[in-house]
Amino acid sequence: MGASVNNEWDDDQHDDPLGNGTASDDPWEDSGPLVDNGIDPLDPLGTPTTTTSTSAHSLEARRTPRFHLPRIPRWSVIGIGIVLVGAFLGPRIFSGGDEPDWDQLTRSVVLLFSPDCGWTGSGTVVLEGGHVLTNAHVAMNEAGKPCSLEVYAAKSPEVDPEWIANAVAVEEAVDLVHDLAVIQLVDNRGHSTTAEGRPAIQIHSHKLDLGTQLKVLGYPGMGGTKITITPGEQSGWWTGSGGDQTGDFYKTSAKMGPGISGGAAFSVLTGEFVGVPTAGSIVEGGDVLGLIRPNQYIIPLLDRARRADN
């Protein structure tokens, strides 16, 4: 089965891919700050709900399911400090040599839990640390309304994540068409806050070559709540049509289980952020591939979130 590649991938400059999304209802009506309603989420080993959309090329793209898990104790409250994310190259995180510092990168990938929507996903600290990039299907419910969100992060890959903040979706930075969203971190009183000690990930225009080695980071919820790092490679390109699978994706051999949605994909060689793990796919013959939303859709969204914050 041949992969369809959009010609705009070969251009250095792209039009804003967010301009053609519309929503029938106002997703912000009656939304409010996070309220702890005491709801116990579902058994983390239960079967998660999968949303399926049909697309071209006889390939079925499935959102990576949001995972259900018990409430995590709020052991500590941590503030945040950000770094601007935009179409420029920021400092890379290295361990003192030429290798990316994966322990440090894991500190910038967070677990998102919604007590009212009843699922979890993943996200990446961006925009000077006061915001998190994730998938829209993690931050919004099936009706397009914003979920209440709690943010958890780990001090190292070996320990469970701890509560650091709540979060609210940034109205101007929700892209339902391409399944992306930027959320703002807030404290228990609804005031904006930051993730201290967790570097904001710099995101710039980046095109992957076929076969590029990747690592996908997130919280799939399987085997405990610790962060998971899954290796793979850029296995090709896929262009979807319809629903929130519209537009271009990287295909990857990296396994992406429930809850990984909204996490981060990095280049193994450079440690650069290359996209958001968004969905799994089943191709003819039963092979399973992951789908990563590339940076070309993310950069304009971050610009919108930054303007909304000013």
C-alpha atoms as a PDB file:
ATOM      1  CA  MET A   1       0.000   0.000   0.000  1.00  0.00           C
ATOM      2  CA  GLY A   2       1.525   3.295  -1.061  1.00  0.00           C
ATOM      3  CA  ALA A   3       1.546   6.289   1.261  1.00  0.00           C
ATOM      4  CA  SER A   4       0.108   9.575   0.025  1.00  0.00           C
ATOM      5  CA  VAL A   5       2.407  12.522   0.713  1.00  0.00           C
ATOM      6  CA  ASN A   6       1.143  16.093   0.674  1.00  0.00           C
ATOM      7  CA  ASN A   7       3.294  18.352  -1.497  1.00  0.00           C
ATOM      8  CA  GLU A   8       3.316  21.041   1.193  1.00  0.00           C
ATOM      9  CA  TRP A   9       5.699  18.851   3.172  1.00  0.00           C
ATOM     10  CA  ASP A  10       8.425  19.806   0.695  1.00  0.00           C
ATOM     11  CA  ASP A  11       8.035  23.530   1.334  1.00  0.00           C
ATOM     12  CA  ASP A  12       9.907  25.430   4.015  1.00  0.00           C
ATOM     13  CA  GLN A  13       6.996  27.811   4.536  1.00  0.00           C
ATOM     14  CA  HIS A  14       3.452  26.646   5.226  1.00  0.00           C
ATOM     15  CA  ASP A  15       0.139  28.408   5.398  1.00  0.00           C
ATOM     16  CA  ASP A  16      -1.585  28.364   8.743  1.00  0.00           C
ATOM     17  CA  PRO A  17      -3.223  24.898   8.769  1.00  0.00           C
ATOM     18  CA  LEU A  18      -5.563  25.995  11.543  1.00  0.00           C
ATOM     19  CA  GLY A  19      -7.589  28.394   9.473  1.00  0.00           C
ATOM     20  CA  ASN A  20     -10.143  25.931   8.112  1.00  0.00           C
ATOM     21  CA  GLY A  21     -11.433  24.452  11.350  1.00  0.00           C
ATOM     22  CA  THR A  22     -14.943  25.223  12.488  1.00  0.00           C
ATOM     23  CA  ALA A  23     -17.076  24.101  15.404  1.00  0.00           C
ATOM     24  CA  SER A  24     -20.854  24.039  15.418  1.00  0.00           C
ATOM     25  CA  ASP A  25     -21.204  24.845  19.130  1.00  0.00           C
ATOM     26  CA  ASP A  26     -19.339  27.193  21.430  1.00  0.00           C
ATOM     27  CA  PRO A  27     -17.115  24.805  23.451  1.00  0.00           C
ATOM     28  CA  TRP A  28     -16.506  27.452  26.099  1.00  0.00           C
ATOM     29  CA  GLU A  29     -20.083  28.012  27.191  1.00  0.00           C
ATOM     30  CA  ASP A  30     -20.666  27.037  30.837  1.00  0.00           C
ATOM     31  CA  SER A  31     -17.031  25.924  31.259  1.00  0.00           C
ATOM     32  CA  GLY A  32     -15.430  26.730  34.579  1.00  0.00           C
ATOM     33  CA  PRO A  33     -12.448  26.097  36.811  1.00  0.00           C
ATOM     34  CA  LEU A  34     -11.581  22.630  37.968  1.00  0.00           C
ATOM     35  CA  VAL A  35     -13.821  21.301  40.709  1.00  0.00           C
ATOM     36  CA  ASP A  36     -12.919  18.171  42.651  1.00  0.00           C
ATOM     37  CA  ASN A  37     -16.230  16.317  42.484  1.00  0.00           C
ATOM     38  CA  GLY A  38     -14.951  13.160  44.146  1.00  0.00           C
ATOM     39  CA  ILE A  39     -15.616  10.932  41.120  1.00  0.00           C
ATOM     40  CA  ASP A  40     -13.541   7.769  41.143  1.00  0.00           C
ATOM     41  CA  PRO A  41     -12.223   7.025  37.628  1.00  0.00           C
ATOM     42  CA  LEU A  42     -12.619   3.592  36.130  1.00  0.00           C
ATOM     43  CA  ASP A  43     -10.406   0.571  36.711  1.00  0.00           C
ATOM     44  CA  PRO A  44      -7.085   1.283  34.926  1.00  0.00           C
ATOM     45  CA  LEU A  45      -7.050  -2.273  33.621  1.00  0.00           C
ATOM     46  CA  GLY A  46     -10.496  -1.972  32.107  1.00  0.00           C
ATOM     47  CA  THR A  47     -11.111  -1.674  28.387  1.00  0.00           C
ATOM     48  CA  PRO A  48     -10.774   1.956  27.259  1.00  0.00           C
ATOM     49  CA  THR A  49     -13.161   3.532  24.784  1.00  0.00           C
ATOM     50  CA  THR A  50     -11.752   3.877  21.259  1.00  0.00           C
ATOM     51  CA  THR A  51     -12.927   6.517  18.815  1.00  0.00           C
ATOM     52  CA  THR A  52     -12.549   5.401  15.210  1.00  0.00           C
ATOM     53  CA  SER A  53     -12.654   7.428  12.044  1.00  0.00           C
ATOM     54  CA  THR A  54     -12.456   6.110   8.514  1.00  0.00           C
ATOM     55  CA  SER A  55      -9.932   7.543   6.093  1.00  0.00           C
ATOM     56  CA  ALA A  56      -8.504   7.015   2.614  1.00  0.00           C
ATOM     57  CA  HIS A  57      -6.017   4.415   1.364  1.00  0.00           C
ATOM     58  CA  SER A  58      -7.792   1.514   3.102  1.00  0.00           C
ATOM     59  CA  LEU A  59      -6.142   2.582   6.340  1.00  0.00           C
ATOM     60  CA  GLU A  60      -8.140   2.870   9.529  1.00  0.00           C
ATOM     61  CA  ALA A  61      -6.812   5.574  11.832  1.00  0.00           C
ATOM     62  CA  ARG A  62      -7.706   5.196  15.486  1.00  0.00           C
ATOM     63  CA  ARG A  63      -7.154   7.753  18.181  1.00  0.00           C
ATOM     64  CA  THR A  64      -4.826   6.430  20.805  1.00  0.00           C
ATOM     65  CA  PRO A  65      -7.414   5.684  23.535  1.00  0.00           C
ATOM     66  CA  ARG A  66      -7.458   7.859  26.616  1.00  0.00           C
ATOM     67  CA  PHE A  67      -6.699   5.708  29.623  1.00  0.00           C
ATOM     68  CA  HIS A  68      -8.667   5.555  32.870  1.00  0.00           C
ATOM     69  CA  LEU A  69      -6.799   5.416  36.175  1.00  0.00           C
ATOM     70  CA  PRO A  70      -7.368   6.058  39.885  1.00  0.00           C
ATOM     71  CA  ARG A  71      -6.777   9.561  41.204  1.00  0.00           C
ATOM     72  CA  ILE A  72      -3.105  10.168  41.918  1.00  0.00           C
ATOM     73  CA  PRO A  73      -2.302  11.679  45.343  1.00  0.00           C
ATOM     74  CA  ARG A  74      -1.349  15.349  45.257  1.00  0.00           C
ATOM     75  CA  TRP A  75       1.966  14.916  47.034  1.00  0.00           C
ATOM     76  CA  SER A  76       3.493  18.231  46.086  1.00  0.00           C
ATOM     77  CA  VAL A  77       2.630  21.491  44.393  1.00  0.00           C
ATOM     78  CA  ILE A  78       5.285  22.771  41.998  1.00  0.00           C
ATOM     79  CA  GLY A  79       5.356  26.082  40.161  1.00  0.00           C
ATOM     80  CA  ILE A  80       6.419  26.288  36.455  1.00  0.00           C
ATOM     81  CA  GLY A  81       8.950  28.344  34.467  1.00  0.00           C
ATOM     82  CA  ILE A  82       8.567  28.490  30.596  1.00  0.00           C
ATOM     83  CA  VAL A  83      10.619  28.979  27.432  1.00  0.00           C
ATOM     84  CA  LEU A  84       9.044  30.471  24.312  1.00  0.00           C
ATOM     85  CA  VAL A  85       8.111  27.915  21.693  1.00  0.00           C
ATOM     86  CA  GLY A  86       8.099  29.079  18.123  1.00  0.00           C
ATOM     87  CA  ALA A  87       9.555  28.587  14.698  1.00  0.00           C
ATOM     88  CA  PHE A  88      13.095  28.956  15.923  1.00  0.00           C
ATOM     89  CA  LEU A  89      15.721  26.582  17.246  1.00  0.00           C
ATOM     90  CA  GLY A  90      16.112  26.654  20.982  1.00  0.00           C
ATOM     91  CA  PRO A  91      18.772  25.048  23.165  1.00  0.00           C
ATOM     92  CA  ARG A  92      18.813  21.275  23.020  1.00  0.00           C
ATOM     93  CA  ILE A  93      18.959  19.270  26.223  1.00  0.00           C
ATOM     94  CA  PHE A  94      22.156  17.197  26.308  1.00  0.00           C
ATOM     95  CA  SER A  95      23.704  15.126  29.078  1.00  0.00           C
ATOM     96  CA  GLY A  96      27.147  16.743  28.813  1.00  0.00           C
ATOM     97  CA  GLY A  97      28.175  14.936  25.634  1.00  0.00           C
ATOM     98  CA  ASP A  98      26.547  14.527  22.268  1.00  0.00           C
ATOM     99  CA  GLU A  99      23.612  12.448  23.522  1.00  0.00           C
ATOM    100  CA  PRO A 100      20.223  13.958  24.436  1.00  0.00           C
ATOM    101  CA  ASP A 101      19.487  13.958  28.165  1.00  0.00           C
ATOM    102  CA  TRP A 102      16.445  11.679  28.231  1.00  0.00           C
ATOM    103  CA  ASP A 103      16.017  11.965  31.990  1.00  0.00           C
ATOM    104  CA  GLN A 104      15.677  15.726  31.579  1.00  0.00           C
ATOM    105  CA  LEU A 105      13.344  15.424  28.603  1.00  0.00           C
ATOM    106  CA  THR A 106      11.022  13.127  30.561  1.00  0.00           C
ATOM    107  CA  ARG A 107      10.560  15.899  33.129  1.00  0.00           C
ATOM    108  CA  SER A 108       8.910  18.008  30.441  1.00  0.00           C
ATOM    109  CA  VAL A 109       6.374  15.342  29.417  1.00  0.00           C
ATOM    110  CA  VAL A 110       3.346  15.280  31.721  1.00  0.00           C
ATOM    111  CA  LEU A 111       0.348  13.133  32.568  1.00  0.00           C
ATOM    112  CA  LEU A 112      -3.081  14.743  32.113  1.00  0.00           C
ATOM    113  CA  PHE A 113      -6.068  13.471  34.089  1.00  0.00           C
ATOM    114  CA  SER A 114      -9.651  14.650  33.685  1.00  0.00           C
ATOM    115  CA  PRO A 115     -11.882  13.825  36.670  1.00  0.00           C
ATOM    116  CA  ASP A 116     -15.078  14.848  34.869  1.00  0.00           C
ATOM    117  CA  CYS A 117     -14.344  13.297  31.475  1.00  0.00           C
ATOM    118  CA  GLY A 118     -12.857  10.249  33.203  1.00  0.00           C
ATOM    119  CA  TRP A 119      -9.698   9.639  31.138  1.00  0.00           C
ATOM    120  CA  THR A 120      -6.004  10.398  30.986  1.00  0.00           C
ATOM    121  CA  GLY A 121      -3.608  11.440  28.279  1.00  0.00           C
ATOM    122  CA  SER A 122      -0.165  12.981  27.952  1.00  0.00           C
ATOM    123  CA  GLY A 123       1.257  16.413  27.153  1.00  0.00           C
ATOM    124  CA  THR A 124       4.452  18.435  26.708  1.00  0.00           C
ATOM    125  CA  VAL A 125       5.468  21.575  28.613  1.00  0.00           C
ATOM    126  CA  VAL A 126       5.786  24.496  26.162  1.00  0.00           C
ATOM    127  CA  LEU A 127       5.665  28.311  25.957  1.00  0.00           C
ATOM    128  CA  GLU A 128       7.948  29.242  28.854  1.00  0.00           C
ATOM    129  CA  GLY A 129       6.455  26.503  31.029  1.00  0.00           C
ATOM    130  CA  GLY A 130       3.000  27.963  31.598  1.00  0.00           C
ATOM    131  CA  HIS A 131       1.297  25.838  28.942  1.00  0.00           C
ATOM    132  CA  VAL A 132       1.087  22.227  27.813  1.00  0.00           C
ATOM    133  CA  LEU A 133       0.664  20.933  24.265  1.00  0.00           C
ATOM    134  CA  THR A 134      -1.609  17.908  23.849  1.00  0.00           C
ATOM    135  CA  ASN A 135      -4.272  16.370  21.602  1.00  0.00           C
ATOM    136  CA  ALA A 136      -7.692  17.993  21.404  1.00  0.00           C
ATOM    137  CA  HIS A 137      -9.337  14.641  22.159  1.00  0.00           C
ATOM    138  CA  VAL A 138      -7.507  14.646  25.515  1.00  0.00           C
ATOM    139  CA  ALA A 139      -8.509  18.206  26.452  1.00  0.00           C
ATOM    140  CA  MET A 140     -12.060  18.157  25.052  1.00  0.00           C
ATOM    141  CA  ASN A 141     -14.953  15.729  25.403  1.00  0.00           C
ATOM    142  CA  GLU A 142     -16.820  14.071  22.530  1.00  0.00           C
ATOM    143  CA  ALA A 143     -19.235  17.013  22.388  1.00  0.00           C
ATOM    144  CA  GLY A 144     -16.366  19.484  21.906  1.00  0.00           C
ATOM    145  CA  LYS A 145     -16.642  20.879  25.431  1.00  0.00           C
ATOM    146  CA  PRO A 146     -13.444  21.452  27.506  1.00  0.00           C
ATOM    147  CA  CYS A 147     -12.624  18.871  30.173  1.00  0.00           C
ATOM    148  CA  SER A 148     -11.438  19.772  33.652  1.00  0.00           C
ATOM    149  CA  LEU A 149      -7.778  18.791  33.752  1.00  0.00           C
ATOM    150  CA  GLU A 150      -5.176  17.968  36.366  1.00  0.00           C
ATOM    151  CA  VAL A 151      -1.482  17.899  35.463  1.00  0.00           C
ATOM    152  CA  TYR A 152       1.029  15.446  36.930  1.00  0.00           C
ATOM    153  CA  ALA A 153       4.767  15.196  36.307  1.00  0.00           C
ATOM    154  CA  ALA A 154       7.622  12.988  37.505  1.00  0.00           C
ATOM    155  CA  LYS A 155      10.988  14.051  38.898  1.00  0.00           C
ATOM    156  CA  SER A 156      12.627  11.153  37.052  1.00  0.00           C
ATOM    157  CA  PRO A 157      11.555   8.163  34.908  1.00  0.00           C
ATOM    158  CA  GLU A 158      11.864   5.874  37.944  1.00  0.00           C
ATOM    159  CA  VAL A 159       9.183   7.525  40.080  1.00  0.00           C
ATOM    160  CA  ASP A 160       5.438   8.062  39.801  1.00  0.00           C
ATOM    161  CA  PRO A 161       4.199  11.493  38.698  1.00  0.00           C
ATOM    162  CA  GLU A 162       2.950  14.027  41.246  1.00  0.00           C
ATOM    163  CA  TRP A 163       0.301  16.702  40.900  1.00  0.00           C
ATOM    164  CA  ILE A 164       1.805  20.046  39.828  1.00  0.00           C
ATOM    165  CA  ALA A 165      -1.176  22.095  38.598  1.00  0.00           C
ATOM    166  CA  ASN A 166      -4.638  22.151  37.084  1.00  0.00           C
ATOM    167  CA  ALA A 167      -5.172  23.282  33.501  1.00  0.00           C
ATOM    168  CA  VAL A 168      -7.744  24.926  31.265  1.00  0.00           C
ATOM    169  CA  ALA A 169      -7.914  24.849  27.479  1.00  0.00           C
ATOM    170  CA  VAL A 170      -6.883  28.030  25.658  1.00  0.00           C
ATOM    171  CA  GLU A 171      -9.917  28.879  23.506  1.00  0.00           C
ATOM    172  CA  GLU A 172      -7.872  30.362  20.666  1.00  0.00           C
ATOM    173  CA  ALA A 173      -5.499  27.370  20.598  1.00  0.00           C
ATOM    174  CA  VAL A 174      -7.836  24.400  20.160  1.00  0.00           C
ATOM    175  CA  ASP A 175      -7.676  22.822  16.705  1.00  0.00           C
ATOM    176  CA  LEU A 176     -10.427  20.221  16.430  1.00  0.00           C
ATOM    177  CA  VAL A 177      -9.634  19.562  12.769  1.00  0.00           C
ATOM    178  CA  HIS A 178      -6.062  18.467  13.409  1.00  0.00           C
ATOM    179  CA  ASP A 179      -6.684  17.163  16.951  1.00  0.00           C
ATOM    180  CA  LEU A 180      -4.342  19.524  18.785  1.00  0.00           C
ATOM    181  CA  ALA A 181      -4.773  21.792  21.802  1.00  0.00           C
ATOM    182  CA  VAL A 182      -2.760  24.055  24.069  1.00  0.00           C
ATOM    183  CA  ILE A 183      -3.818  24.229  27.714  1.00  0.00           C
ATOM    184  CA  GLN A 184      -2.815  26.781  30.340  1.00  0.00           C
ATOM    185  CA  LEU A 185      -1.569  25.748  33.774  1.00  0.00           C
ATOM    186  CA  VAL A 186      -3.447  27.204  36.744  1.00  0.00           C
ATOM    187  CA  ASP A 187      -3.303  26.722  40.501  1.00  0.00           C
ATOM    188  CA  ASN A 188      -6.167  25.646  42.745  1.00  0.00           C
ATOM    189  CA  ARG A 189      -7.538  29.209  42.745  1.00  0.00           C
ATOM    190  CA  GLY A 190      -7.498  29.466  38.963  1.00  0.00           C
ATOM    191  CA  HIS A 191      -4.452  31.721  38.754  1.00  0.00           C
ATOM    192  CA  SER A 192      -1.904  31.070  36.027  1.00  0.00           C
ATOM    193  CA  THR A 193       1.203  29.208  37.140  1.00  0.00           C
ATOM    194  CA  THR A 194       4.298  27.557  35.689  1.00  0.00           C
ATOM    195  CA  ALA A 195       6.160  24.243  35.964  1.00  0.00           C
ATOM    196  CA  GLU A 196       9.322  25.121  37.807  1.00  0.00           C
ATOM    197  CA  GLY A 197      12.323  22.938  37.034  1.00  0.00           C
ATOM    198  CA  ARG A 198      10.749  21.492  33.897  1.00  0.00           C
ATOM    199  CA  PRO A 199      12.240  23.006  30.734  1.00  0.00           C
ATOM    200  CA  ALA A 200       9.739  24.118  28.127  1.00  0.00           C
ATOM    201  CA  ILE A 201      10.350  22.147  24.932  1.00  0.00           C
ATOM    202  CA  GLN A 202      11.403  24.234  21.953  1.00  0.00           C
ATOM    203  CA  ILE A 203       9.486  23.402  18.767  1.00  0.00           C
ATOM    204  CA  HIS A 204      10.681  24.500  15.348  1.00  0.00           C
ATOM    205  CA  SER A 205      10.090  23.607  11.727  1.00  0.00           C
ATOM    206  CA  HIS A 206      11.500  20.145  11.193  1.00  0.00           C
ATOM    207  CA  LYS A 207      11.123  17.570   8.436  1.00  0.00           C
ATOM    208  CA  LEU A 208      11.981  13.944   9.156  1.00  0.00           C
ATOM    209  CA  ASP A 209      13.766  11.662   6.730  1.00  0.00           C
ATOM    210  CA  LEU A 210      12.471   8.150   6.193  1.00  0.00           C
ATOM    211  CA  GLY A 211      14.050   5.814   8.732  1.00  0.00           C
ATOM    212  CA  THR A 212      14.854   8.518  11.305  1.00  0.00           C
ATOM    213  CA  GLN A 213      15.119   6.906  14.733  1.00  0.00           C
ATOM    214  CA  LEU A 214      12.558   8.217  17.236  1.00  0.00           C
ATOM    215  CA  LYS A 215      11.560   7.892  20.859  1.00  0.00           C
ATOM    216  CA  VAL A 216       7.942   8.402  21.890  1.00  0.00           C
ATOM    217  CA  LEU A 217       7.338   9.595  25.473  1.00  0.00           C
ATOM    218  CA  GLY A 218       4.074   9.548  27.395  1.00  0.00           C
ATOM    219  CA  TYR A 219       1.896   7.882  30.000  1.00  0.00           C
ATOM    220  CA  PRO A 220       0.085   4.889  28.491  1.00  0.00           C
ATOM    221  CA  GLY A 221      -1.244   3.775  31.898  1.00  0.00           C
ATOM    222  CA  MET A 222      -0.126   0.192  31.382  1.00  0.00           C
ATOM    223  CA  GLY A 223       2.160  -1.376  33.980  1.00  0.00           C
ATOM    224  CA  GLY A 224       1.689   1.454  36.446  1.00  0.00           C
ATOM    225  CA  THR A 225       1.658   5.234  36.102  1.00  0.00           C
ATOM    226  CA  LYS A 226       5.349   5.851  35.373  1.00  0.00           C
ATOM    227  CA  ILE A 227       6.357   7.476  32.099  1.00  0.00           C
ATOM    228  CA  THR A 228       7.082   5.160  29.168  1.00  0.00           C
ATOM    229  CA  ILE A 229       9.741   5.659  26.481  1.00  0.00           C
ATOM    230  CA  THR A 230       9.144   3.626  23.313  1.00  0.00           C
ATOM    231  CA  PRO A 231      11.674   3.445  20.442  1.00  0.00           C
ATOM    232  CA  GLY A 232      10.764   3.314  16.777  1.00  0.00           C
ATOM    233  CA  GLU A 233      11.483   4.945  13.453  1.00  0.00           C
ATOM    234  CA  GLN A 234       9.833   7.219  10.921  1.00  0.00           C
ATOM    235  CA  SER A 235       8.211   4.592   8.712  1.00  0.00           C
ATOM    236  CA  GLY A 236       6.553   6.831   6.135  1.00  0.00           C
ATOM    237  CA  TRP A 237       3.855   9.452   5.668  1.00  0.00           C
ATOM    238  CA  TRP A 238       0.082   9.351   5.674  1.00  0.00           C
ATOM    239  CA  THR A 239      -2.500  11.978   4.780  1.00  0.00           C
ATOM    240  CA  GLY A 240      -5.957  11.574   6.299  1.00  0.00           C
ATOM    241  CA  SER A 241      -9.247  13.175   5.360  1.00  0.00           C
ATOM    242  CA  GLY A 242     -12.311  13.816   7.468  1.00  0.00           C
ATOM    243  CA  GLY A 243     -12.887  14.272  11.170  1.00  0.00           C
ATOM    244  CA  ASP A 244      -9.884  14.952  13.388  1.00  0.00           C
ATOM    245  CA  GLN A 245      -7.659  12.780  11.175  1.00  0.00           C
ATOM    246  CA  THR A 246      -7.482  15.486   8.496  1.00  0.00           C
ATOM    247  CA  GLY A 247      -4.007  16.402   7.256  1.00  0.00           C
ATOM    248  CA  ASP A 248      -0.537  14.906   7.364  1.00  0.00           C
ATOM    249  CA  PHE A 249       1.042  12.472   9.789  1.00  0.00           C
ATOM    250  CA  TYR A 250       4.320  10.669  10.198  1.00  0.00           C
ATOM    251  CA  LYS A 251       3.894   6.930  10.440  1.00  0.00           C
ATOM    252  CA  THR A 252       6.065   5.250  13.054  1.00  0.00           C
ATOM    253  CA  SER A 253       6.884   1.729  14.179  1.00  0.00           C
ATOM    254  CA  ALA A 254       6.903   2.922  17.805  1.00  0.00           C
ATOM    255  CA  LYS A 255       4.128   1.294  19.826  1.00  0.00           C
ATOM    256  CA  MET A 256       1.630   3.779  21.217  1.00  0.00           C
ATOM    257  CA  GLY A 257      -0.745   2.387  23.827  1.00  0.00           C
ATOM    258  CA  PRO A 258      -3.760   3.939  25.558  1.00  0.00           C
ATOM    259  CA  GLY A 259      -2.972   7.250  27.233  1.00  0.00           C
ATOM    260  CA  ILE A 260       0.020   8.109  25.046  1.00  0.00           C
ATOM    261  CA  SER A 261      -2.118  10.605  23.102  1.00  0.00           C
ATOM    262  CA  GLY A 262      -0.779  14.135  23.345  1.00  0.00           C
ATOM    263  CA  GLY A 263       2.714  13.059  24.389  1.00  0.00           C
ATOM    264  CA  ALA A 264       5.992  13.797  22.625  1.00  0.00           C
ATOM    265  CA  ALA A 265       8.075  12.260  19.850  1.00  0.00           C
ATOM    266  CA  PHE A 266      11.777  13.139  19.765  1.00  0.00           C
ATOM    267  CA  SER A 267      14.660  12.439  17.401  1.00  0.00           C
ATOM    268  CA  VAL A 268      17.011   9.906  18.986  1.00  0.00           C
ATOM    269  CA  LEU A 269      20.039  11.583  17.398  1.00  0.00           C
ATOM    270  CA  THR A 270      19.364  15.203  18.297  1.00  0.00           C
ATOM    271  CA  GLY A 271      16.695  15.154  21.017  1.00  0.00           C
ATOM    272  CA  GLU A 272      14.589  17.570  18.967  1.00  0.00           C
ATOM    273  CA  PHE A 273      10.811  17.497  19.291  1.00  0.00           C
ATOM    274  CA  VAL A 274       9.302  16.207  16.028  1.00  0.00           C
ATOM    275  CA  GLY A 275       5.575  15.823  16.721  1.00  0.00           C
ATOM    276  CA  VAL A 276       2.631  14.758  18.875  1.00  0.00           C
ATOM    277  CA  PRO A 277       1.697  11.032  19.100  1.00  0.00           C
ATOM    278  CA  THR A 278      -1.951  11.151  18.112  1.00  0.00           C
ATOM    279  CA  ALA A 279      -3.358   7.853  16.854  1.00  0.00           C
ATOM    280  CA  GLY A 280      -2.705   4.261  15.942  1.00  0.00           C
ATOM    281  CA  SER A 281      -3.436   2.785  12.543  1.00  0.00           C
ATOM    282  CA  ILE A 282      -4.237  -0.638  11.164  1.00  0.00           C
ATOM    283  CA  VAL A 283      -3.169  -1.189   7.568  1.00  0.00           C
ATOM    284  CA  GLU A 284      -3.981  -4.013   5.197  1.00  0.00           C
ATOM    285  CA  GLY A 285      -2.496  -7.222   6.530  1.00  0.00           C
ATOM    286  CA  GLY A 286      -3.058  -6.287  10.170  1.00  0.00           C
ATOM    287  CA  ASP A 287       0.187  -4.338  10.711  1.00  0.00           C
ATOM    288  CA  VAL A 288      -0.081  -1.666  13.382  1.00  0.00           C
ATOM    289  CA  LEU A 289       1.606   1.722  13.077  1.00  0.00           C
ATOM    290  CA  GLY A 290       1.514   4.867  15.164  1.00  0.00           C
ATOM    291  CA  LEU A 291       0.620   8.275  13.741  1.00  0.00           C
ATOM    292  CA  ILE A 292       2.481  11.425  14.813  1.00  0.00           C
ATOM    293  CA  ARG A 293       1.153  14.908  14.056  1.00  0.00           C
ATOM    294  CA  PRO A 294       4.145  16.927  12.752  1.00  0.00           C
ATOM    295  CA  ASN A 295       5.366  20.344  13.847  1.00  0.00           C
ATOM    296  CA  GLN A 296       3.955  22.185  10.832  1.00  0.00           C
ATOM    297  CA  TYR A 297       0.528  22.109  12.508  1.00  0.00           C
ATOM    298  CA  ILE A 298       1.845  22.823  15.997  1.00  0.00           C
ATOM    299  CA  ILE A 299       3.842  26.014  15.457  1.00  0.00           C
ATOM    300  CA  PRO A 300       0.848  28.180  14.357  1.00  0.00           C
ATOM    301  CA  LEU A 301      -1.169  26.851  17.295  1.00  0.00           C
ATOM    302  CA  LEU A 302       1.553  27.842  19.764  1.00  0.00           C
ATOM    303  CA  ASP A 303       1.676  31.294  18.209  1.00  0.00           C
ATOM    304  CA  ARG A 304      -2.071  31.621  18.810  1.00  0.00           C
ATOM    305  CA  ALA A 305      -1.712  30.551  22.429  1.00  0.00           C
ATOM    306  CA  ARG A 306       1.101  33.046  22.957  1.00  0.00           C
ATOM    307  CA  ARG A 307      -0.965  35.894  21.483  1.00  0.00           C
ATOM    308  CA  ALA A 308      -3.945  34.923  23.651  1.00  0.00           C
ATOM    309  CA  ASP A 309      -1.706  35.114  26.723  1.00  0.00           C
ATOM    310  CA  ASN A 310      -0.569  38.678  25.964  1.00  0.00           C
END
